[in-house]
Amino acid sequence: MPAKPSPDATPDLAQFSGAGFKHFFAALAEPLESFPTDLTVTDDFVVRHLGTVIRAKPGETVILTDDARATAYAARIVAVQKKSVDFTVLGQLPTPADPLPHVMLAVALIKEQRWDWLLQKATELGARAIQPLFSERCMIRLGSDDIPKKLERWGGVLRSAAEQSEGLFIPAILPPLPVAQFLQQAPAEALKLLLMERGTDRQSLKTRLTKHTQAQPVILTIGPEGGWSDTEQAAAQSAGFISVSLGQRILRSETAAIAAMAALVAEMDRD
């Protein structure tokens, strides 16, 4: 691991590539263009984590990522206060192009512990959006009063996973929808894939991805443990979804979601 710069030195930005610095997301009003520059961050998560969780000290260096612009900066802590953190931003870090298309994972809701694991791993693999679904065979039911709290908690899981994996964006978490409503709203321009555990008309997911171009967004749709109902399958086909297979094994929902994401990463990120 490269040596971390002293508090009084302006580091060579190349040191920050894989150097193990803490990563945080901070929405910026506008992009930063001249360096070094002063920046005050009031994001509750950043303030709480630096001030209370890790008790960061002035002089320590972190990576701040503006996920709206997929841009990362090296920043030195100047002061940690009760409701804000002051930084000196040292410079913008190189950001390699993302080889993946925009990927939405649309997944029927499953039990909380397994759902959290799915969110974490999907983030690590580069999913851009997560669409929870209520399907006919879904065992999870949420009242309208439950959804805002769930979305807030899920957003925290996604943010933590994005920071841990040093991503440049936090996946969007969308309000849960019934399958029928989701199918009606799915954008026509996307490559719309419906994972099926059985059926003679399925294509191999790998074969279908081989024909795909990066510019086209992808929707990977994964059903509940009991599988899609006949009504949902027919509705998906009518909405332009293509039935695809991950092979002969019957996978749990969270395994199927991550296996599909991993297959897409392997196909699109060949370097």
Protein backbone atom coordinates (compact mmCIF):
# COMPACT_ATOMS: atom_id res chain seq x y z
CA MET A 1 0.00 0.00 0.00
CA PRO A 2 1.40 3.45 -0.91
CA ALA A 3 2.40 5.70 1.98
CA LYS A 4 -0.22 8.27 2.84
CA PRO A 5 0.86 11.90 2.46
CA SER A 6 1.66 14.01 5.48
CA PRO A 7 -0.93 16.65 6.49
CA ASP A 8 1.31 19.47 5.21
CA ALA A 9 2.05 17.97 1.80
CA THR A 10 0.06 18.22 -1.39
CA PRO A 11 -0.03 14.59 -2.52
CA ASP A 12 0.57 13.20 -5.95
CA LEU A 13 -2.98 12.27 -6.97
CA ALA A 14 -1.73 8.99 -8.39
CA GLN A 15 -1.27 7.83 -4.78
CA PHE A 16 -5.04 7.65 -4.34
CA SER A 17 -5.57 4.84 -6.83
CA GLY A 18 -6.21 1.78 -4.68
CA ALA A 19 -4.52 3.32 -1.65
CA GLY A 20 -7.21 2.39 0.86
CA PHE A 21 -8.52 5.85 1.71
CA LYS A 22 -12.05 6.21 3.10
CA HIS A 23 -14.65 7.02 0.44
CA PHE A 24 -17.69 9.26 1.00
CA PHE A 25 -20.44 10.61 -1.25
CA ALA A 26 -21.16 14.32 -1.12
CA ALA A 27 -23.58 16.06 -3.48
CA LEU A 28 -21.95 19.23 -4.81
CA ALA A 29 -23.86 22.28 -6.03
CA GLU A 30 -21.46 22.60 -8.95
CA PRO A 31 -18.34 20.82 -10.22
CA LEU A 32 -14.98 21.84 -8.75
CA GLU A 33 -12.51 23.18 -11.28
CA SER A 34 -9.57 24.86 -9.48
CA PHE A 35 -7.41 23.28 -6.76
CA PRO A 36 -6.75 23.40 -3.92
CA THR A 37 -10.16 24.75 -2.93
CA ASP A 38 -12.16 24.97 0.29
CA LEU A 39 -15.36 22.94 0.65
CA THR A 40 -17.88 22.57 3.47
CA VAL A 41 -20.01 19.41 3.51
CA THR A 42 -23.23 19.30 5.57
CA ASP A 43 -24.45 15.85 4.51
CA ASP A 44 -25.69 14.13 7.69
CA PHE A 45 -24.16 10.78 6.79
CA VAL A 46 -20.70 12.25 6.12
CA VAL A 47 -20.78 14.44 9.23
CA ARG A 48 -21.95 11.60 11.49
CA HIS A 49 -19.53 9.05 10.11
CA LEU A 50 -16.46 11.28 10.24
CA GLY A 51 -17.37 12.93 13.53
CA THR A 52 -18.84 10.04 15.52
CA VAL A 53 -18.10 6.68 13.89
CA ILE A 54 -14.43 6.97 12.93
CA ARG A 55 -13.64 10.19 14.85
CA ALA A 56 -11.60 11.64 12.00
CA LYS A 57 -8.98 14.27 12.76
CA PRO A 58 -7.86 17.38 10.85
CA GLY A 59 -5.14 16.49 8.41
CA GLU A 60 -6.57 13.12 7.41
CA THR A 61 -7.26 12.59 3.72
CA VAL A 62 -10.38 11.01 2.21
CA ILE A 63 -12.01 10.57 -1.19
CA LEU A 64 -15.16 12.62 -1.82
CA THR A 65 -17.36 11.48 -4.70
CA ASP A 66 -20.00 13.61 -6.38
CA ASP A 67 -22.25 10.80 -7.60
CA ALA A 68 -24.44 13.11 -9.69
CA ARG A 69 -21.41 13.71 -11.93
CA ALA A 70 -19.53 10.44 -11.23
CA THR A 71 -16.51 12.48 -10.19
CA ALA A 72 -14.12 11.79 -7.31
CA TYR A 73 -11.83 14.20 -5.46
CA ALA A 74 -9.00 13.85 -2.96
CA ALA A 75 -9.82 16.01 0.06
CA ARG A 76 -8.02 16.79 3.32
CA ILE A 77 -10.07 17.33 6.48
CA VAL A 78 -9.67 20.81 7.96
CA ALA A 79 -12.27 20.71 10.75
CA VAL A 80 -14.99 18.31 11.93
CA GLN A 81 -17.88 20.24 13.46
CA LYS A 82 -21.26 19.28 14.88
CA LYS A 83 -23.21 19.83 11.65
CA SER A 84 -20.54 20.13 8.98
CA VAL A 85 -17.05 19.09 7.90
CA ASP A 86 -14.60 21.51 6.30
CA PHE A 87 -12.22 20.19 3.65
CA THR A 88 -9.44 21.37 1.43
CA VAL A 89 -10.04 19.66 -1.92
CA LEU A 90 -6.65 18.76 -3.39
CA GLY A 91 -7.66 17.70 -6.87
CA GLN A 92 -9.89 15.61 -9.11
CA LEU A 93 -9.03 11.94 -9.46
CA PRO A 94 -9.00 10.14 -12.79
CA THR A 95 -12.27 8.32 -13.42
CA PRO A 96 -12.17 5.46 -15.95
CA ALA A 97 -15.15 5.02 -18.23
CA ASP A 98 -17.78 2.57 -16.97
CA PRO A 99 -17.91 -0.38 -19.42
CA LEU A 100 -21.41 -1.36 -18.32
CA PRO A 101 -24.69 -0.10 -19.75
CA HIS A 102 -27.31 1.41 -17.45
CA VAL A 103 -28.63 -1.67 -15.63
CA MET A 104 -31.89 -1.80 -13.69
CA LEU A 105 -32.49 -4.82 -11.49
CA ALA A 106 -36.22 -5.37 -11.08
CA VAL A 107 -36.65 -7.98 -8.34
CA ALA A 108 -39.62 -9.40 -6.48
CA LEU A 109 -39.27 -8.59 -2.78
CA ILE A 110 -37.75 -11.25 -0.53
CA LYS A 111 -36.99 -11.47 3.18
CA GLU A 112 -35.06 -8.55 4.63
CA GLN A 113 -31.68 -10.14 5.33
CA ARG A 114 -31.47 -11.69 1.87
CA TRP A 115 -32.79 -8.48 0.29
CA ASP A 116 -30.05 -6.43 1.96
CA TRP A 117 -27.43 -8.87 0.67
CA LEU A 118 -28.86 -8.53 -2.83
CA LEU A 119 -28.68 -4.71 -2.62
CA GLN A 120 -25.07 -4.82 -1.46
CA LYS A 121 -23.85 -7.20 -4.15
CA ALA A 122 -25.82 -5.52 -6.95
CA THR A 123 -24.16 -2.24 -5.99
CA GLU A 124 -20.71 -3.80 -6.02
CA LEU A 125 -21.38 -5.18 -9.51
CA GLY A 126 -22.51 -1.83 -10.93
CA ALA A 127 -26.32 -1.84 -11.02
CA ARG A 128 -27.65 1.68 -11.58
CA ALA A 129 -31.18 1.20 -10.23
CA ILE A 130 -33.13 -1.28 -8.13
CA GLN A 131 -36.86 -1.69 -8.71
CA PRO A 132 -38.60 -3.75 -5.98
CA LEU A 133 -41.64 -5.66 -7.23
CA PHE A 134 -44.82 -7.04 -5.70
CA SER A 135 -45.56 -10.23 -7.62
CA GLU A 136 -48.46 -12.66 -7.30
CA ARG A 137 -46.30 -15.22 -5.48
CA CYS A 138 -44.32 -12.70 -3.46
CA MET A 139 -44.39 -13.47 0.27
CA ILE A 140 -43.52 -9.91 1.32
CA ARG A 141 -46.27 -7.34 1.71
CA LEU A 142 -45.72 -3.72 2.69
CA GLY A 143 -48.30 -1.14 3.73
CA SER A 144 -48.13 2.38 2.30
CA ASP A 145 -46.89 3.64 5.66
CA ASP A 146 -43.99 1.17 5.62
CA ILE A 147 -42.57 2.13 2.24
CA PRO A 148 -40.89 5.50 3.07
CA LYS A 149 -39.01 3.94 6.00
CA LYS A 150 -37.99 0.96 3.87
CA LEU A 151 -36.74 3.20 1.06
CA GLU A 152 -34.68 5.23 3.51
CA ARG A 153 -33.10 2.12 5.01
CA TRP A 154 -32.47 0.53 1.63
CA GLY A 155 -30.87 3.76 0.44
CA GLY A 156 -28.46 3.57 3.37
CA VAL A 157 -27.54 -0.01 2.46
CA LEU A 158 -26.85 1.03 -1.13
CA ARG A 159 -24.78 4.03 -0.07
CA SER A 160 -22.62 2.01 2.31
CA ALA A 161 -22.03 -0.63 -0.36
CA ALA A 162 -21.12 2.00 -2.96
CA GLU A 163 -18.61 3.60 -0.59
CA GLN A 164 -17.12 0.24 0.38
CA SER A 165 -16.70 -0.77 -3.27
CA GLU A 166 -15.32 2.69 -4.19
CA GLY A 167 -18.05 3.29 -6.74
CA LEU A 168 -18.74 6.58 -8.47
CA PHE A 169 -22.53 6.47 -7.99
CA ILE A 170 -25.17 5.21 -5.59
CA PRO A 171 -27.81 3.07 -7.31
CA ALA A 172 -31.29 4.56 -7.31
CA ILE A 173 -33.82 2.70 -5.17
CA LEU A 174 -37.34 3.07 -6.55
CA PRO A 175 -40.68 2.68 -4.75
CA PRO A 176 -42.06 -0.87 -4.98
CA LEU A 177 -44.52 -1.53 -7.80
CA PRO A 178 -46.91 -4.33 -8.71
CA VAL A 179 -45.53 -6.36 -11.60
CA ALA A 180 -48.30 -5.27 -13.98
CA GLN A 181 -47.58 -1.58 -13.36
CA PHE A 182 -43.85 -2.07 -13.75
CA LEU A 183 -44.32 -3.85 -17.09
CA GLN A 184 -46.44 -0.98 -18.39
CA GLN A 185 -43.81 1.59 -17.40
CA ALA A 186 -40.70 -0.25 -18.64
CA PRO A 187 -38.96 1.93 -21.27
CA ALA A 188 -39.35 0.65 -24.80
CA GLU A 189 -35.71 1.34 -25.73
CA ALA A 190 -34.27 -0.98 -23.06
CA LEU A 191 -33.19 -4.56 -23.52
CA LYS A 192 -35.87 -6.16 -21.32
CA LEU A 193 -34.95 -9.56 -19.93
CA LEU A 194 -37.15 -11.83 -17.84
CA LEU A 195 -35.27 -14.55 -15.99
CA MET A 196 -37.15 -17.85 -16.16
CA GLU A 197 -36.23 -21.04 -14.32
CA ARG A 198 -38.25 -23.23 -16.69
CA GLY A 199 -39.67 -23.12 -20.22
CA THR A 200 -38.73 -24.26 -23.71
CA ASP A 201 -38.66 -20.79 -25.28
CA ARG A 202 -35.87 -19.42 -23.10
CA GLN A 203 -32.66 -18.03 -24.56
CA SER A 204 -29.31 -18.35 -22.82
CA LEU A 205 -28.57 -15.12 -20.98
CA LYS A 206 -24.95 -15.26 -22.13
CA THR A 207 -26.01 -15.68 -25.76
CA ARG A 208 -28.42 -12.76 -25.52
CA LEU A 209 -25.83 -10.49 -23.90
CA THR A 210 -23.30 -11.27 -26.61
CA LYS A 211 -25.55 -9.38 -29.04
CA HIS A 212 -25.89 -6.38 -26.74
CA THR A 213 -24.31 -2.94 -27.16
CA GLN A 214 -23.26 -0.74 -24.26
CA ALA A 215 -25.46 2.17 -25.33
CA GLN A 216 -28.70 0.25 -24.77
CA PRO A 217 -29.96 0.14 -21.15
CA VAL A 218 -30.73 -3.27 -19.68
CA ILE A 219 -33.55 -4.38 -17.38
CA LEU A 220 -32.92 -7.68 -15.57
CA THR A 221 -36.20 -8.91 -14.08
CA ILE A 222 -36.11 -11.60 -11.38
CA GLY A 223 -39.16 -13.27 -9.86
CA PRO A 224 -39.98 -14.57 -6.38
CA GLU A 225 -39.08 -17.96 -4.91
CA GLY A 226 -42.24 -19.49 -6.37
CA GLY A 227 -41.52 -18.15 -9.83
CA TRP A 228 -43.64 -15.99 -12.12
CA SER A 229 -47.32 -16.78 -12.49
CA ASP A 230 -48.67 -17.64 -15.94
CA THR A 231 -50.42 -14.25 -16.03
CA GLU A 232 -47.18 -12.40 -15.27
CA GLN A 233 -45.25 -14.36 -17.89
CA ALA A 234 -47.83 -13.58 -20.56
CA ALA A 235 -47.94 -9.90 -19.59
CA ALA A 236 -44.14 -9.66 -19.71
CA GLN A 237 -44.01 -11.21 -23.17
CA SER A 238 -46.70 -8.80 -24.37
CA ALA A 239 -44.61 -5.91 -22.98
CA GLY A 240 -41.56 -6.98 -25.03
CA PHE A 241 -39.62 -8.88 -22.37
CA ILE A 242 -37.38 -11.72 -23.57
CA SER A 243 -37.28 -14.94 -21.53
CA VAL A 244 -33.72 -15.89 -20.61
CA SER A 245 -32.08 -18.67 -18.61
CA LEU A 246 -29.08 -18.95 -16.29
CA GLY A 247 -28.90 -22.71 -16.82
CA GLN A 248 -30.52 -25.84 -15.48
CA ARG A 249 -30.20 -25.18 -11.74
CA ILE A 250 -33.07 -23.59 -9.84
CA LEU A 251 -31.62 -20.55 -8.05
CA ARG A 252 -32.97 -18.49 -5.19
CA SER A 253 -34.03 -15.00 -6.17
CA GLU A 254 -31.01 -13.21 -4.74
CA THR A 255 -28.62 -15.75 -6.28
CA ALA A 256 -30.26 -15.37 -9.69
CA ALA A 257 -30.07 -11.57 -9.50
CA ILE A 258 -26.37 -11.54 -8.70
CA ALA A 259 -25.53 -14.32 -11.15
CA ALA A 260 -27.24 -12.32 -13.91
CA MET A 261 -25.35 -9.15 -12.92
CA ALA A 262 -22.06 -11.05 -12.84
CA ALA A 263 -22.75 -12.52 -16.29
CA LEU A 264 -23.39 -9.04 -17.65
CA VAL A 265 -20.18 -7.69 -16.09
CA ALA A 266 -18.17 -10.59 -17.51
CA GLU A 267 -19.61 -10.03 -20.98
CA MET A 268 -19.30 -6.23 -21.10
CA ASP A 269 -16.08 -5.66 -19.15
CA ARG A 270 -13.66 -7.83 -21.08
CA ASP A 271 -10.56 -5.80 -20.23
